[in-house]
C-alpha cells in the first residue's frame, strides 16, 4: 500500500515542499527520505573526516554538480540550469526558489518559483529528471554502472562521492584526470583510476581504450617519454589481455633504453615529471611485469627518490626517503595522499566544499579555459576540480578503514 501523501496537517509552509518528498512511495522515483537530513549527515561525516585527516583547503565558492558517470553523456547542473558539460547546450532550465545538492545521493532537489518540485538523480541505470509524477531518462545516459554503497566502511558517503569523481572523468571510454582541462588520458592517473574501477566493478568501462593502446608512453609532458609509463601501461593492459598483446613487446624493448646495472642489480632510470625517479619507475615496471606474468629480473635501486613513496601498495622494504615540497602538496594533493598511504599518516586535505572534494592547481599541461564551463572562478584560480588521481588516492586510503 502506498504511504499517505501527508502524515499530519500542521506544517510550516517553508518546510512543506521538501517534506512532501518523504511521503511519496519510497524508491518510486529514487528520492531519499529527507534530502536536507541526508545532506546534513554527509556534512557531519565530512567534518569528522577532516578532523581525522588533514583538514581542508579553500576552493572556489561555486555550487554545482556533475551528472553522467562512466561513458554516459556529461552534464553539469548549476543555478537552475542543466547543460551538456562538453558542448554547453542547455538541456533544461528552471526558475528555482531553492536547491539542495546531495553529493553522495548523486542528486539535486529543486523547489521551483511556482512551488513545484524537481529532482535530478543518477543511479546505476541512467540520469533521471523527476517531477514526482513521472520521470524520464536524460538522453545519452542509459548505460549500466556499478555504484556500491560502501556501507561496510567508516566513511561510506565520502567513498560514494570519490567514486563519482572518478567515474565522471571517464569520457568516451578514456580515463582522464579532469575532462574539462585534459583531452588525453595520462597513464599514471589512468593506472590509479584502474585500481579503483576494479574495486567497484567498473573496470570494463576503459577496456576498449586500453586494448587500443599502441604507444608505450602517453607523451603528455611536452612530448617527453616518461619511464614510469612502461609499468603503468603493462598494468592497465593486464586487466584485459595477456603478454601476447602487441604493445607488450614494444614496452619490453623500450625497457632496454633505461636499464642500468650496478652492484645492487639491474633497474631502470629515466625521467618522470621532469626529473629522475629510478626507484618509482622500477617499482612500476616490476609491478606491471608481475601482473602480466612476465619474467622480472629488476631490482629496486637504493637511491633517494622523491616519488618512491607514491608507489605505496608494494615494495615498501625498498624505500629510501626523498622529499616532496609541501607547497606542491597543496597544488598537487595526490602527492600528499600517496605519501600518507605509504607511511600510514593522516596529514592531507580535501576541499572545504561539499563537492567536489578533489582538485589540481597550476598544472603545466592543463588547459584551464575548459573550467569556464563550470565557472570563471576556476579558470582564474587555475584549478581543475574534481581530479582523478587525488580522488583515487583518497578512495584507496578510505578502503582501509571500516
Protein backbone atom coordinates (compact mmCIF):
# COMPACT_ATOMS: atom_id res chain seq x y z
CA UNK A 1 0.00 0.00 0.00
CA UNK A 2 1.26 3.50 -0.82
CA UNK A 3 2.20 5.71 2.07
CA UNK A 4 -0.10 8.73 2.58
CA UNK A 5 0.98 11.97 0.96
CA UNK A 6 0.53 13.87 4.22
CA UNK A 7 1.12 12.37 7.63
CA UNK A 8 -0.20 15.28 9.61
CA UNK A 9 -1.71 18.66 8.80
CA UNK A 10 0.33 21.18 10.76
CA UNK A 11 3.33 22.08 8.60
CA UNK A 12 5.33 25.24 8.47
CA UNK A 13 4.98 26.49 4.90
CA UNK A 14 8.74 26.75 4.44
CA UNK A 15 9.12 23.05 5.24
CA UNK A 16 6.15 21.70 3.35
CA UNK A 17 7.50 21.28 -0.16
CA UNK A 18 10.59 19.27 0.65
CA UNK A 19 8.86 17.32 3.39
CA UNK A 20 6.34 16.09 0.84
CA UNK A 21 9.13 14.07 -0.71
CA UNK A 22 9.26 11.92 2.41
CA UNK A 23 5.74 10.67 1.97
CA UNK A 24 5.89 9.73 -1.66
CA UNK A 25 6.27 5.99 -2.26
CA UNK A 26 9.77 5.15 -1.10
CA UNK A 27 12.05 4.36 -4.03
CA UNK A 28 9.39 5.09 -6.68
CA UNK A 29 11.42 7.94 -8.14
CA UNK A 30 14.67 7.29 -6.35
CA UNK A 31 14.31 10.05 -3.74
CA UNK A 32 15.86 9.74 -0.28
CA UNK A 33 13.56 10.12 2.70
CA UNK A 34 14.75 13.62 3.57
CA UNK A 35 17.17 15.47 1.28
CA UNK A 36 18.11 18.04 3.94
CA UNK A 37 18.73 15.34 6.51
CA UNK A 38 20.77 13.32 4.02
CA UNK A 39 22.89 16.38 3.24
CA UNK A 40 23.43 17.11 6.94
CA UNK A 41 24.51 13.52 7.59
CA UNK A 42 27.02 13.83 4.78
CA UNK A 43 28.34 17.11 6.18
CA UNK A 44 28.71 15.51 9.61
CA UNK A 45 30.75 12.73 8.03
CA UNK A 46 32.91 15.28 6.20
CA UNK A 47 33.53 17.16 9.43
CA UNK A 48 34.69 14.00 11.20
CA UNK A 49 36.81 13.02 8.22
CA UNK A 50 38.56 16.38 8.04
CA UNK A 51 39.28 16.26 11.76
CA UNK A 52 40.77 12.78 11.46
CA UNK A 53 42.82 13.58 8.38
CA UNK A 54 44.46 16.74 7.06
CA UNK A 55 41.61 19.22 7.21
CA UNK A 56 40.51 21.13 4.13
CA UNK A 57 41.70 23.69 1.61
CA UNK A 58 39.56 26.56 0.40
CA UNK A 59 38.17 26.04 -3.08
CA UNK A 60 36.13 28.39 -5.32
CA UNK A 61 32.73 29.22 -3.83
CA UNK A 62 30.64 27.64 -6.58
CA UNK A 63 27.66 25.31 -6.14
CA UNK A 64 27.35 22.78 -8.94
CA UNK A 65 27.04 19.08 -9.56
CA UNK A 66 28.09 16.83 -12.43
CA UNK A 67 25.99 14.07 -13.96
CA UNK A 68 26.96 11.38 -16.44
CA UNK A 69 29.27 8.89 -14.74
CA UNK A 70 31.21 6.43 -16.84
CA UNK A 71 30.60 6.53 -20.57
CA UNK A 72 27.36 8.47 -20.27
CA UNK A 73 26.88 11.91 -21.79
CA UNK A 74 28.26 14.52 -19.38
CA UNK A 75 26.05 17.20 -17.84
CA UNK A 76 26.62 19.96 -15.32
CA UNK A 77 23.91 21.41 -13.07
CA UNK A 78 24.33 24.94 -11.75
CA UNK A 79 21.86 27.71 -10.75
CA UNK A 80 18.78 26.02 -12.16
CA UNK A 81 20.39 25.04 -15.46
CA UNK A 82 21.26 21.54 -16.64
CA UNK A 83 23.55 21.68 -19.65
CA UNK A 84 25.79 19.43 -21.67
CA UNK A 85 29.19 19.69 -19.98
CA UNK A 86 31.08 19.36 -23.26
CA UNK A 87 29.06 21.42 -25.75
CA UNK A 88 27.39 23.81 -23.30
CA UNK A 89 23.98 23.14 -24.85
CA UNK A 90 21.22 23.76 -22.30
CA UNK A 91 19.01 20.71 -21.76
CA UNK A 92 16.71 22.14 -19.05
CA UNK A 93 16.31 25.49 -17.32
CA UNK A 94 14.17 26.11 -14.25
CA UNK A 95 13.23 29.18 -12.22
CA UNK A 96 14.26 27.96 -8.81
CA UNK A 97 13.37 29.14 -5.33
CA UNK A 98 15.52 26.59 -3.54
CA UNK A 99 18.03 23.87 -4.36
CA UNK A 100 19.57 21.07 -2.33
CA UNK A 101 22.58 19.23 -3.76
CA UNK A 102 23.24 15.89 -2.04
CA UNK A 103 26.54 14.58 -3.48
CA UNK A 104 26.52 11.02 -2.03
CA UNK A 105 22.98 10.51 -3.35
CA UNK A 106 24.06 11.78 -6.80
CA UNK A 107 21.03 14.05 -6.62
CA UNK A 108 19.87 17.66 -6.93
CA UNK A 109 16.48 18.66 -5.50
CA UNK A 110 14.75 21.81 -6.70
CA UNK A 111 11.80 23.83 -5.48
CA UNK A 112 10.65 25.98 -8.37
CA UNK A 113 9.27 29.50 -8.09
CA UNK A 114 5.76 28.17 -8.74
CA UNK A 115 6.09 25.72 -5.85
CA UNK A 116 6.58 22.57 -7.92
CA UNK A 117 9.33 20.06 -7.24
CA UNK A 118 12.01 18.61 -9.50
CA UNK A 119 14.70 16.02 -8.78
CA UNK A 120 17.73 15.26 -10.95
CA UNK A 121 19.22 11.95 -9.92
CA UNK A 122 21.76 9.45 -11.18
CA UNK A 123 21.73 5.74 -10.44
CA UNK A 124 23.10 2.51 -11.88
CA UNK A 125 20.74 2.71 -14.87
CA UNK A 126 20.74 6.36 -16.01
CA UNK A 127 20.39 10.03 -15.11
CA UNK A 128 16.75 10.87 -14.37
CA UNK A 129 14.64 14.01 -14.16
CA UNK A 130 11.54 13.59 -11.99
CA UNK A 131 8.60 15.85 -11.15
CA UNK A 132 7.33 13.20 -8.67
CA UNK A 133 4.55 12.25 -11.07
CA UNK A 134 6.80 10.73 -13.70
CA UNK A 135 10.47 10.54 -14.51
CA UNK A 136 12.42 10.50 -17.74
CA UNK A 137 15.93 9.33 -18.53
CA UNK A 138 18.26 12.04 -19.79
CA UNK A 139 19.32 11.28 -23.39
CA UNK A 140 22.70 9.59 -23.68
CA UNK A 141 22.80 8.33 -20.08
CA UNK A 142 21.08 4.93 -20.23
CA UNK A 143 24.11 2.70 -19.74
CA UNK A 144 24.68 0.47 -16.73
CA UNK A 145 27.18 1.17 -13.95
CA UNK A 146 28.10 -0.41 -10.65
CA UNK A 147 27.55 2.07 -7.78
CA UNK A 148 28.41 0.38 -4.46
CA UNK A 149 27.05 1.82 -1.22
CA UNK A 150 30.31 1.10 0.71
CA UNK A 151 28.24 0.53 3.87
CA UNK A 152 30.92 -1.63 5.46
CA UNK A 153 33.34 1.32 5.56
CA UNK A 154 33.57 4.12 8.09
CA UNK A 155 33.32 6.90 5.50
CA UNK A 156 30.82 5.32 3.12
CA UNK A 157 29.27 8.59 1.95
CA UNK A 158 32.66 10.12 1.15
CA UNK A 159 33.64 6.97 -0.74
CA UNK A 160 30.49 7.35 -2.84
CA UNK A 161 31.43 10.92 -3.75
CA UNK A 162 35.03 9.97 -4.57
CA UNK A 163 33.75 7.11 -6.73
CA UNK A 164 31.55 9.64 -8.51
CA UNK A 165 34.51 11.98 -9.13
CA UNK A 166 36.47 9.10 -10.67
CA UNK A 167 33.61 7.85 -12.83
CA UNK A 168 32.73 11.35 -14.04
CA UNK A 169 36.14 11.60 -15.67
CA UNK A 170 35.76 8.63 -17.94
CA UNK A 171 34.78 10.15 -21.25
CA UNK A 172 34.36 8.20 -24.49
CA UNK A 173 35.93 5.25 -22.71
CA UNK A 174 39.05 7.20 -21.76
CA UNK A 175 40.17 7.78 -18.14
CA UNK A 176 41.31 11.39 -17.86
CA UNK A 177 42.42 13.46 -14.84
CA UNK A 178 39.67 16.06 -15.42
CA UNK A 179 37.71 16.09 -18.66
CA UNK A 180 37.31 19.87 -18.71
CA UNK A 181 41.04 20.57 -18.90
CA UNK A 182 42.64 17.35 -20.21
CA UNK A 183 41.67 15.79 -23.53
CA UNK A 184 44.03 12.82 -23.33
CA UNK A 185 44.47 10.15 -20.63
CA UNK A 186 47.65 10.03 -18.57
CA UNK A 187 49.00 6.54 -17.89
CA UNK A 188 49.95 7.49 -14.32
CA UNK A 189 46.49 8.77 -13.43
CA UNK A 190 44.81 6.08 -15.52
CA UNK A 191 46.58 3.30 -13.64
CA UNK A 192 45.41 4.69 -10.30
CA UNK A 193 41.88 5.02 -11.66
CA UNK A 194 42.04 1.41 -12.86
CA UNK A 195 42.73 0.23 -9.30
CA UNK A 196 39.54 1.93 -8.16
CA UNK A 197 37.47 0.77 -11.14
CA UNK A 198 38.47 -2.82 -10.39
CA UNK A 199 37.26 -2.45 -6.79
CA UNK A 200 33.88 -1.05 -7.84
CA UNK A 201 33.28 -3.47 -10.72
CA UNK A 202 33.59 -0.79 -13.41
CA UNK A 203 36.93 -1.74 -14.97
CA UNK A 204 35.36 -2.67 -18.32
CA UNK A 205 34.46 0.99 -18.88
CA UNK A 206 38.03 1.55 -20.09
CA UNK A 207 38.55 -1.79 -21.86
CA UNK A 208 38.33 -0.52 -25.44
CA UNK A 209 40.74 2.32 -24.72
CA UNK A 210 43.24 0.01 -23.01
CA UNK A 211 43.21 -2.55 -25.80
CA UNK A 212 43.61 0.18 -28.43
CA UNK A 213 46.88 1.47 -26.95
CA UNK A 214 49.83 1.22 -29.32
CA UNK A 215 52.40 3.58 -27.74
CA UNK A 216 54.28 2.66 -24.54
CA UNK A 217 54.04 6.33 -23.47
CA UNK A 218 51.33 8.95 -23.17
CA UNK A 219 53.80 11.73 -24.15
CA UNK A 220 51.68 14.27 -22.28
CA UNK A 221 54.52 16.15 -20.57
CA UNK A 222 55.71 18.17 -23.51
CA UNK A 223 56.11 15.04 -25.60
CA UNK A 224 58.63 13.52 -23.21
CA UNK A 225 58.85 9.73 -22.92
CA UNK A 226 58.43 9.04 -19.18
CA UNK A 227 59.86 5.76 -17.94
CA UNK A 228 57.15 5.10 -15.34
CA UNK A 229 54.64 4.82 -18.21
CA UNK A 230 56.13 1.43 -19.11
CA UNK A 231 54.99 -0.34 -15.97
CA UNK A 232 51.74 1.60 -15.78
CA UNK A 233 50.81 0.57 -19.31
CA UNK A 234 51.59 -3.09 -18.58
CA UNK A 235 49.38 -2.89 -15.50
CA UNK A 236 46.47 -1.32 -17.41
CA UNK A 237 46.74 -3.98 -20.12
CA UNK A 238 46.74 -6.77 -17.52
CA UNK A 239 43.03 -6.28 -16.81
CA UNK A 240 42.02 -7.15 -20.36
CA UNK A 241 44.72 -9.13 -22.15
CA UNK A 242 47.92 -11.12 -21.70
CA UNK A 243 51.60 -10.90 -22.61
CA UNK A 244 50.78 -11.56 -26.28
CA UNK A 245 49.25 -8.11 -26.81
CA UNK A 246 51.44 -6.37 -29.43
CA UNK A 247 52.17 -3.42 -27.18
CA UNK A 248 53.82 -5.65 -24.58
CA UNK A 249 56.72 -6.49 -26.87
CA UNK A 250 57.22 -2.79 -27.62
CA UNK A 251 57.35 -1.99 -23.90
CA UNK A 252 59.88 -4.73 -23.18
CA UNK A 253 62.08 -3.35 -25.96
CA UNK A 254 61.75 0.19 -24.57
CA UNK A 255 62.88 -1.00 -21.14
CA UNK A 256 66.34 -1.68 -22.52
CA UNK A 257 66.83 2.05 -23.20
CA UNK A 258 66.60 2.84 -19.49
CA UNK A 259 68.42 -0.13 -17.98
CA UNK A 260 71.24 0.49 -15.53
CA UNK A 261 73.24 -2.27 -13.85
CA UNK A 262 75.42 -1.67 -10.81
CA UNK A 263 76.45 -3.55 -7.69
CA UNK A 264 72.85 -3.52 -6.47
CA UNK A 265 71.44 -5.14 -9.60
CA UNK A 266 69.54 -4.08 -12.71
CA UNK A 267 66.95 -1.31 -12.71
CA UNK A 268 65.58 1.40 -14.99
CA UNK A 269 66.32 5.11 -14.74
CA UNK A 270 64.67 7.84 -16.77
CA UNK A 271 62.61 10.97 -16.33
CA UNK A 272 59.12 11.40 -14.94
CA UNK A 273 57.62 14.82 -14.29
CA UNK A 274 60.90 16.34 -15.47
CA UNK A 275 63.24 14.58 -13.04
CA UNK A 276 64.85 11.18 -12.49
CA UNK A 277 62.97 8.85 -10.14
CA UNK A 278 64.56 5.44 -10.67
CA UNK A 279 63.02 3.69 -7.66
CA UNK A 280 59.49 4.79 -8.56
CA UNK A 281 59.92 3.82 -12.20
CA UNK A 282 61.39 0.42 -11.37
CA UNK A 283 58.61 -0.32 -8.88
CA UNK A 284 56.01 0.35 -11.56
CA UNK A 285 57.87 -1.79 -14.07
CA UNK A 286 58.18 -4.74 -11.68
CA UNK A 287 54.50 -4.45 -10.77
CA UNK A 288 53.45 -4.34 -14.42
CA UNK A 289 55.58 -7.35 -15.29
CA UNK A 290 54.13 -9.37 -12.43
CA UNK A 291 50.52 -8.54 -13.31
CA UNK A 292 51.13 -9.88 -16.84
CA UNK A 293 53.02 -12.94 -15.57
CA UNK A 294 56.22 -11.83 -17.28
CA UNK A 295 59.77 -12.56 -16.05
CA UNK A 296 61.17 -9.90 -13.70
CA UNK A 297 64.91 -9.63 -13.09
CA UNK A 298 64.89 -5.98 -11.96
CA UNK A 299 65.95 -4.77 -8.51
CA UNK A 300 64.62 -1.56 -6.97
CA UNK A 301 67.65 0.73 -6.52
CA UNK A 302 68.51 2.10 -3.08
CA UNK A 303 68.63 5.72 -4.18
CA UNK A 304 66.98 8.90 -2.97
CA UNK A 305 63.77 9.27 -4.92
CA UNK A 306 61.08 11.80 -4.06
CA UNK A 307 58.47 9.74 -5.94
CA UNK A 308 59.29 6.40 -4.35
CA UNK A 309 56.58 6.77 -1.69
CA UNK A 310 53.98 7.47 -4.40
CA UNK A 311 54.11 3.74 -5.16
CA UNK A 312 52.81 2.59 -1.79
CA UNK A 313 50.97 -0.75 -2.22
CA UNK A 314 54.06 -2.95 -2.65
CA UNK A 315 57.86 -2.98 -2.34
CA UNK A 316 57.82 -0.94 0.86
CA UNK A 317 61.02 -2.56 2.05
CA UNK A 318 62.88 -0.93 -0.84
CA UNK A 319 62.37 2.65 0.30
CA UNK A 320 64.91 5.38 0.77
CA UNK A 321 63.35 8.75 1.65
CA UNK A 322 63.28 11.67 -0.72
CA UNK A 323 61.47 14.97 -0.37
CA UNK A 324 58.31 16.48 -1.81
CA UNK A 325 57.79 20.21 -1.33
CA UNK A 326 54.83 20.87 0.99
CA UNK A 327 53.51 23.66 -1.24
CA UNK A 328 53.28 21.18 -4.08
CA UNK A 329 51.06 19.02 -1.86
CA UNK A 330 48.51 21.84 -1.81
CA UNK A 331 48.61 22.31 -5.57
CA UNK A 332 49.00 18.60 -6.29
CA UNK A 333 47.33 16.98 -3.27
CA UNK A 334 47.59 13.46 -4.71
CA UNK A 335 51.29 13.64 -3.78
CA UNK A 336 50.50 14.14 -0.11
CA UNK A 337 47.77 11.49 -0.11
CA UNK A 338 50.03 8.95 -1.81
CA UNK A 339 52.75 9.59 0.79
CA UNK A 340 50.17 9.23 3.56
CA UNK A 341 49.09 5.93 2.01
CA UNK A 342 52.73 4.80 2.11
CA UNK A 343 53.52 5.93 5.66
CA UNK A 344 50.09 5.36 7.21
CA UNK A 345 49.78 9.03 8.13
CA UNK A 346 46.73 11.30 8.03
CA UNK A 347 48.04 14.72 7.05
CA UNK A 348 46.47 15.51 3.67
CA UNK A 349 43.37 17.56 2.84
CA UNK A 350 40.20 17.51 0.81
CA UNK A 351 38.31 20.62 -0.26
CA UNK A 352 36.23 22.78 2.04
CA UNK A 353 33.23 22.30 -0.26
CA UNK A 354 30.55 19.63 -0.13
CA UNK A 355 31.52 18.90 -3.71
CA UNK A 356 33.86 18.37 -5.41
CA UNK A 357 36.33 17.05 -2.85
CA UNK A 358 39.41 16.89 -5.06
CA UNK A 359 41.49 19.17 -7.27
CA UNK A 360 44.73 20.03 -9.02
CA UNK A 361 46.12 23.59 -9.31
CA UNK A 362 48.57 25.19 -11.76
CA UNK A 363 49.44 22.02 -13.64
CA UNK A 364 51.75 22.72 -16.55
CA UNK A 365 49.78 20.80 -19.19
CA UNK A 366 46.22 21.66 -18.16
CA UNK A 367 44.07 23.98 -20.29
CA UNK A 368 42.13 25.78 -17.59
CA UNK A 369 39.90 27.61 -20.05
CA UNK A 370 37.82 24.44 -20.05
CA UNK A 371 36.76 25.09 -16.44
CA UNK A 372 34.72 28.07 -17.69
CA UNK A 373 32.00 25.51 -18.42
CA UNK A 374 31.51 25.47 -14.65
CA UNK A 375 32.66 28.95 -13.57
CA UNK A 376 35.34 31.53 -14.40
CA UNK A 377 36.48 31.37 -10.76
CA UNK A 378 38.11 28.03 -11.55
CA UNK A 379 39.79 29.45 -14.62
CA UNK A 380 41.33 32.40 -12.75
CA UNK A 381 42.46 30.09 -9.92
CA UNK A 382 43.93 27.60 -12.44
CA UNK A 383 42.02 24.94 -10.57
CA UNK A 384 40.61 21.75 -12.07
CA UNK A 385 38.07 20.08 -9.80
CA UNK A 386 37.45 17.21 -9.43
CA UNK A 387 40.72 15.40 -10.17
CA UNK A 388 41.00 11.65 -10.52
CA UNK A 389 44.49 10.98 -9.13
CA UNK A 390 43.58 12.90 -5.98
CA UNK A 391 40.20 11.12 -5.78
CA UNK A 392 41.84 7.72 -6.33
CA UNK A 393 44.40 8.21 -3.55
CA UNK A 394 41.76 9.25 -1.01
CA UNK A 395 39.41 6.49 -2.17
CA UNK A 396 42.04 3.78 -1.78
CA UNK A 397 43.05 5.09 1.64
CA UNK A 398 39.46 5.03 2.92
CA UNK A 399 39.04 1.43 1.80
CA UNK A 400 41.43 0.56 4.65
CA UNK A 401 39.06 1.99 7.29
CA UNK A 402 35.99 0.07 8.41
